Amino acid sequence: MTKKTVELKTVSSEQGLIIRSSGDLIEGVSVRRAKVLPDERGRLGEIMRADDPWFEKFGQVYFTTTYPGVVKAWHYHGKQTDHFYVIKGTVKVALFDRRENSQTKGVVNELYMGEHCPGLLRIPPGIMHGWMCVSQTEAYIVNIVSEMYNYSNPDEFRADPHKNNIPYEWTRKDG
């Protein structure tokens, strides 16, 4: 039995960061191209600054990696805002608005982020999200979060990556 999925169309393009959606851009979600400053020594990339309009407060910064073809999904936070930046590799990020009082409830967004298309993705609380490493090499993701991880009471709510009621499939779409 195949799960019913929604058709995605381009709704936003921020200097090469393309968001495809089943409706509009999910309310509260934002993406912007990251500033990368190259010179003869290498590159410097600004991810987020305290004077950035997205900056709420600092909880912690961590990194995670994902092996090629692996899906790390689905989860959401009750209080925490995530800010994803992909340092190495490429990931396909998917978002699903599960919030009852949102104007975009039920909408799916999808975008690709990586070393060749650097950007920062803001994901507010309540949005189901995850990613799949679509590069040939391990992907390295930095997350700047608004809350510290609480080991005794984590602000994280999970769903199975494939068996769920989210109208999205992680399978590669050739064509």
C-alpha atoms as a PDB file:
ATOM      1  CA  MET A   1       0.000   0.000   0.000  1.00  0.00           C
ATOM      2  CA  THR A   2       1.443   3.350  -1.061  1.00  0.00           C
ATOM      3  CA  LYS A   3       0.926   6.407   1.094  1.00  0.00           C
ATOM      4  CA  LYS A   4      -0.884   9.330  -0.545  1.00  0.00           C
ATOM      5  CA  THR A   5       1.474  12.259  -1.105  1.00  0.00           C
ATOM      6  CA  VAL A   6       0.910  15.827  -2.216  1.00  0.00           C
ATOM      7  CA  GLU A   7       2.215  17.537  -5.341  1.00  0.00           C
ATOM      8  CA  LEU A   8       4.872  20.165  -4.654  1.00  0.00           C
ATOM      9  CA  LYS A   9       5.391  23.384  -6.624  1.00  0.00           C
ATOM     10  CA  THR A  10       8.002  26.137  -6.283  1.00  0.00           C
ATOM     11  CA  VAL A  11       6.794  28.893  -3.933  1.00  0.00           C
ATOM     12  CA  SER A  12      10.022  30.646  -2.971  1.00  0.00           C
ATOM     13  CA  SER A  13      13.469  31.128  -4.427  1.00  0.00           C
ATOM     14  CA  GLU A  14      16.052  32.928  -2.303  1.00  0.00           C
ATOM     15  CA  GLN A  15      19.247  33.212  -4.391  1.00  0.00           C
ATOM     16  CA  GLY A  16      19.184  29.549  -5.387  1.00  0.00           C
ATOM     17  CA  LEU A  17      17.508  28.152  -2.270  1.00  0.00           C
ATOM     18  CA  ILE A  18      14.292  26.843  -3.772  1.00  0.00           C
ATOM     19  CA  ILE A  19      11.348  25.869  -1.586  1.00  0.00           C
ATOM     20  CA  ARG A  20       8.712  23.609  -3.074  1.00  0.00           C
ATOM     21  CA  SER A  21       5.371  23.371  -1.340  1.00  0.00           C
ATOM     22  CA  SER A  22       1.962  21.765  -1.365  1.00  0.00           C
ATOM     23  CA  GLY A  23       0.545  25.241  -0.644  1.00  0.00           C
ATOM     24  CA  ASP A  24       2.388  28.329   0.532  1.00  0.00           C
ATOM     25  CA  LEU A  25       5.562  28.739   2.525  1.00  0.00           C
ATOM     26  CA  ILE A  26       4.699  27.406   5.997  1.00  0.00           C
ATOM     27  CA  GLU A  27       3.824  30.210   8.402  1.00  0.00           C
ATOM     28  CA  GLY A  28       6.896  31.145  10.483  1.00  0.00           C
ATOM     29  CA  VAL A  29       9.375  29.233   8.300  1.00  0.00           C
ATOM     30  CA  SER A  30      12.098  31.320   6.658  1.00  0.00           C
ATOM     31  CA  VAL A  31      15.155  30.653   4.565  1.00  0.00           C
ATOM     32  CA  ARG A  32      17.936  32.922   3.404  1.00  0.00           C
ATOM     33  CA  ARG A  33      21.173  32.513   1.534  1.00  0.00           C
ATOM     34  CA  ALA A  34      24.193  32.577   3.839  1.00  0.00           C
ATOM     35  CA  LYS A  35      26.929  35.143   3.352  1.00  0.00           C
ATOM     36  CA  VAL A  36      30.149  33.474   2.171  1.00  0.00           C
ATOM     37  CA  LEU A  37      33.268  35.604   1.811  1.00  0.00           C
ATOM     38  CA  PRO A  38      36.025  33.946  -0.279  1.00  0.00           C
ATOM     39  CA  ASP A  39      39.590  35.104  -0.702  1.00  0.00           C
ATOM     40  CA  GLU A  40      42.928  33.540  -1.679  1.00  0.00           C
ATOM     41  CA  ARG A  41      43.161  31.783   1.716  1.00  0.00           C
ATOM     42  CA  GLY A  42      39.743  30.085   1.654  1.00  0.00           C
ATOM     43  CA  ARG A  43      36.232  31.060   2.716  1.00  0.00           C
ATOM     44  CA  LEU A  44      34.517  32.560   5.742  1.00  0.00           C
ATOM     45  CA  GLY A  45      30.801  31.865   6.084  1.00  0.00           C
ATOM     46  CA  GLU A  46      28.502  33.813   8.393  1.00  0.00           C
ATOM     47  CA  ILE A  47      25.700  31.612   9.683  1.00  0.00           C
ATOM     48  CA  MET A  48      23.885  33.804  12.236  1.00  0.00           C
ATOM     49  CA  ARG A  49      24.645  36.983  14.178  1.00  0.00           C
ATOM     50  CA  ALA A  50      23.088  38.496  17.296  1.00  0.00           C
ATOM     51  CA  ASP A  51      21.805  41.392  15.145  1.00  0.00           C
ATOM     52  CA  ASP A  52      20.150  38.977  12.697  1.00  0.00           C
ATOM     53  CA  PRO A  53      16.355  39.570  12.563  1.00  0.00           C
ATOM     54  CA  TRP A  54      15.838  35.839  13.214  1.00  0.00           C
ATOM     55  CA  PHE A  55      17.901  35.793  16.387  1.00  0.00           C
ATOM     56  CA  GLU A  56      15.596  35.216  19.389  1.00  0.00           C
ATOM     57  CA  LYS A  57      17.962  33.946  22.041  1.00  0.00           C
ATOM     58  CA  PHE A  58      20.779  31.490  22.409  1.00  0.00           C
ATOM     59  CA  GLY A  59      20.157  28.007  23.744  1.00  0.00           C
ATOM     60  CA  GLN A  60      23.005  26.001  22.279  1.00  0.00           C
ATOM     61  CA  VAL A  61      24.775  25.133  19.035  1.00  0.00           C
ATOM     62  CA  TYR A  62      25.375  21.553  17.994  1.00  0.00           C
ATOM     63  CA  PHE A  63      26.259  19.571  14.902  1.00  0.00           C
ATOM     64  CA  THR A  64      24.937  16.289  13.617  1.00  0.00           C
ATOM     65  CA  THR A  65      25.896  14.157  10.646  1.00  0.00           C
ATOM     66  CA  THR A  66      23.882  11.941   8.333  1.00  0.00           C
ATOM     67  CA  TYR A  67      25.169   9.164   6.112  1.00  0.00           C
ATOM     68  CA  PRO A  68      24.185   8.995   2.405  1.00  0.00           C
ATOM     69  CA  GLY A  69      20.619   7.785   1.874  1.00  0.00           C
ATOM     70  CA  VAL A  70      19.681   7.983   5.575  1.00  0.00           C
ATOM     71  CA  VAL A  71      16.495   9.767   6.678  1.00  0.00           C
ATOM     72  CA  LYS A  72      16.485  11.605  10.011  1.00  0.00           C
ATOM     73  CA  ALA A  73      12.812  12.428  10.519  1.00  0.00           C
ATOM     74  CA  TRP A  74      10.152  13.249  11.739  1.00  0.00           C
ATOM     75  CA  HIS A  75      10.098  15.356  14.899  1.00  0.00           C
ATOM     76  CA  TYR A  76       8.946  18.710  16.237  1.00  0.00           C
ATOM     77  CA  HIS A  77       9.554  20.878  19.292  1.00  0.00           C
ATOM     78  CA  GLY A  78       7.031  22.516  21.606  1.00  0.00           C
ATOM     79  CA  LYS A  79       9.191  25.538  22.518  1.00  0.00           C
ATOM     80  CA  GLN A  80      12.405  25.376  20.503  1.00  0.00           C
ATOM     81  CA  THR A  81      13.184  27.200  17.256  1.00  0.00           C
ATOM     82  CA  ASP A  82      15.765  25.464  15.034  1.00  0.00           C
ATOM     83  CA  HIS A  83      18.155  27.142  12.606  1.00  0.00           C
ATOM     84  CA  PHE A  84      19.759  24.622  10.210  1.00  0.00           C
ATOM     85  CA  TYR A  85      22.958  25.219   8.279  1.00  0.00           C
ATOM     86  CA  VAL A  86      24.574  22.452   6.184  1.00  0.00           C
ATOM     87  CA  ILE A  87      28.366  22.651   6.198  1.00  0.00           C
ATOM     88  CA  LYS A  88      29.228  19.608   4.083  1.00  0.00           C
ATOM     89  CA  GLY A  89      27.188  17.388   1.779  1.00  0.00           C
ATOM     90  CA  THR A  90      23.608  17.960   0.648  1.00  0.00           C
ATOM     91  CA  VAL A  91      20.336  17.262   2.415  1.00  0.00           C
ATOM     92  CA  LYS A  92      16.713  17.304   1.312  1.00  0.00           C
ATOM     93  CA  VAL A  93      14.765  18.965   4.148  1.00  0.00           C
ATOM     94  CA  ALA A  94      11.020  18.430   4.509  1.00  0.00           C
ATOM     95  CA  LEU A  95       8.641  20.346   6.764  1.00  0.00           C
ATOM     96  CA  PHE A  96       5.013  19.646   7.674  1.00  0.00           C
ATOM     97  CA  ASP A  97       2.773  22.151   9.477  1.00  0.00           C
ATOM     98  CA  ARG A  98       0.878  20.187  12.132  1.00  0.00           C
ATOM     99  CA  ARG A  99      -0.171  23.249  14.177  1.00  0.00           C
ATOM    100  CA  GLU A 100      -3.932  23.476  14.769  1.00  0.00           C
ATOM    101  CA  ASN A 101      -4.211  27.293  14.638  1.00  0.00           C
ATOM    102  CA  SER A 102      -1.867  27.890  11.707  1.00  0.00           C
ATOM    103  CA  GLN A 103      -3.024  29.374   8.403  1.00  0.00           C
ATOM    104  CA  THR A 104      -0.797  26.810   6.669  1.00  0.00           C
ATOM    105  CA  LYS A 105      -1.931  23.714   8.640  1.00  0.00           C
ATOM    106  CA  GLY A 106      -1.335  20.584   6.545  1.00  0.00           C
ATOM    107  CA  VAL A 107       1.150  22.235   4.161  1.00  0.00           C
ATOM    108  CA  VAL A 108       4.359  20.431   3.178  1.00  0.00           C
ATOM    109  CA  ASN A 109       7.561  22.335   2.244  1.00  0.00           C
ATOM    110  CA  GLU A 110      10.718  20.824   0.760  1.00  0.00           C
ATOM    111  CA  LEU A 111      14.129  22.325   0.033  1.00  0.00           C
ATOM    112  CA  TYR A 112      17.708  21.276  -0.626  1.00  0.00           C
ATOM    113  CA  MET A 113      20.573  22.734   1.377  1.00  0.00           C
ATOM    114  CA  GLY A 114      24.268  22.040   1.219  1.00  0.00           C
ATOM    115  CA  GLU A 115      27.823  23.107   0.727  1.00  0.00           C
ATOM    116  CA  HIS A 116      27.102  24.296  -2.839  1.00  0.00           C
ATOM    117  CA  CYS A 117      23.980  26.204  -1.823  1.00  0.00           C
ATOM    118  CA  PRO A 118      24.689  27.586   1.655  1.00  0.00           C
ATOM    119  CA  GLY A 119      21.715  28.899   3.543  1.00  0.00           C
ATOM    120  CA  LEU A 120      20.057  29.177   6.923  1.00  0.00           C
ATOM    121  CA  LEU A 121      16.626  27.650   7.516  1.00  0.00           C
ATOM    122  CA  ARG A 122      14.466  28.848  10.425  1.00  0.00           C
ATOM    123  CA  ILE A 123      11.961  26.273  11.753  1.00  0.00           C
ATOM    124  CA  PRO A 124       9.565  27.512  14.450  1.00  0.00           C
ATOM    125  CA  PRO A 125       8.077  25.318  17.202  1.00  0.00           C
ATOM    126  CA  GLY A 126       5.322  22.908  16.179  1.00  0.00           C
ATOM    127  CA  ILE A 127       6.604  22.187  12.652  1.00  0.00           C
ATOM    128  CA  MET A 128       7.354  18.511  11.927  1.00  0.00           C
ATOM    129  CA  HIS A 129      10.709  18.348  10.177  1.00  0.00           C
ATOM    130  CA  GLY A 130      13.546  16.124   9.085  1.00  0.00           C
ATOM    131  CA  TRP A 131      15.993  15.501   6.290  1.00  0.00           C
ATOM    132  CA  MET A 132      17.564  12.929   4.044  1.00  0.00           C
ATOM    133  CA  CYS A 133      21.228  12.975   3.009  1.00  0.00           C
ATOM    134  CA  VAL A 134      21.144  13.022  -0.795  1.00  0.00           C
ATOM    135  CA  SER A 135      24.867  13.536  -1.386  1.00  0.00           C
ATOM    136  CA  GLN A 136      27.413  10.807  -2.060  1.00  0.00           C
ATOM    137  CA  THR A 137      29.189  11.744   1.172  1.00  0.00           C
ATOM    138  CA  GLU A 138      28.166  12.203   4.806  1.00  0.00           C
ATOM    139  CA  ALA A 139      26.312  15.481   5.447  1.00  0.00           C
ATOM    140  CA  TYR A 140      27.299  17.768   8.342  1.00  0.00           C
ATOM    141  CA  ILE A 141      24.522  19.944   9.763  1.00  0.00           C
ATOM    142  CA  VAL A 142      24.896  22.726  12.360  1.00  0.00           C
ATOM    143  CA  ASN A 143      21.798  23.607  14.378  1.00  0.00           C
ATOM    144  CA  ILE A 144      21.551  26.866  16.324  1.00  0.00           C
ATOM    145  CA  VAL A 145      18.653  26.401  18.731  1.00  0.00           C
ATOM    146  CA  SER A 146      16.758  28.777  20.984  1.00  0.00           C
ATOM    147  CA  GLU A 147      16.631  26.363  23.944  1.00  0.00           C
ATOM    148  CA  MET A 148      19.176  24.175  25.710  1.00  0.00           C
ATOM    149  CA  TYR A 149      18.547  20.449  25.449  1.00  0.00           C
ATOM    150  CA  ASN A 150      16.844  19.199  28.606  1.00  0.00           C
ATOM    151  CA  TYR A 151      18.110  15.667  29.196  1.00  0.00           C
ATOM    152  CA  SER A 152      15.427  14.829  31.792  1.00  0.00           C
ATOM    153  CA  ASN A 153      12.505  16.304  29.823  1.00  0.00           C
ATOM    154  CA  PRO A 154      13.374  16.660  26.100  1.00  0.00           C
ATOM    155  CA  ASP A 155      11.347  19.131  24.024  1.00  0.00           C
ATOM    156  CA  GLU A 156      11.152  16.662  21.159  1.00  0.00           C
ATOM    157  CA  PHE A 157       8.190  14.714  19.810  1.00  0.00           C
ATOM    158  CA  ARG A 158       8.805  12.038  17.185  1.00  0.00           C
ATOM    159  CA  ALA A 159       7.011  10.144  14.421  1.00  0.00           C
ATOM    160  CA  ASP A 160       8.241   7.252  12.285  1.00  0.00           C
ATOM    161  CA  PRO A 161      10.061   8.477   9.139  1.00  0.00           C
ATOM    162  CA  HIS A 162       7.875   6.415   6.790  1.00  0.00           C
ATOM    163  CA  LYS A 163       4.772   5.134   8.613  1.00  0.00           C
ATOM    164  CA  ASN A 164       2.842   8.251   9.562  1.00  0.00           C
ATOM    165  CA  ASN A 165       0.032  10.528   8.352  1.00  0.00           C
ATOM    166  CA  ILE A 166       2.371  13.090   6.748  1.00  0.00           C
ATOM    167  CA  PRO A 167       1.692  13.299   2.980  1.00  0.00           C
ATOM    168  CA  TYR A 168       5.376  13.094   2.038  1.00  0.00           C
ATOM    169  CA  GLU A 169       7.645  10.306   0.783  1.00  0.00           C
ATOM    170  CA  TRP A 170      11.419  10.368   1.231  1.00  0.00           C
ATOM    171  CA  THR A 171      12.067   8.306  -1.890  1.00  0.00           C
ATOM    172  CA  ARG A 172      14.250   9.782  -4.618  1.00  0.00           C
ATOM    173  CA  LYS A 173      12.268  11.151  -7.557  1.00  0.00           C
ATOM    174  CA  ASP A 174      14.069  10.453 -10.829  1.00  0.00           C
ATOM    175  CA  GLY A 175      12.974  11.929 -14.114  1.00  0.00           C
END
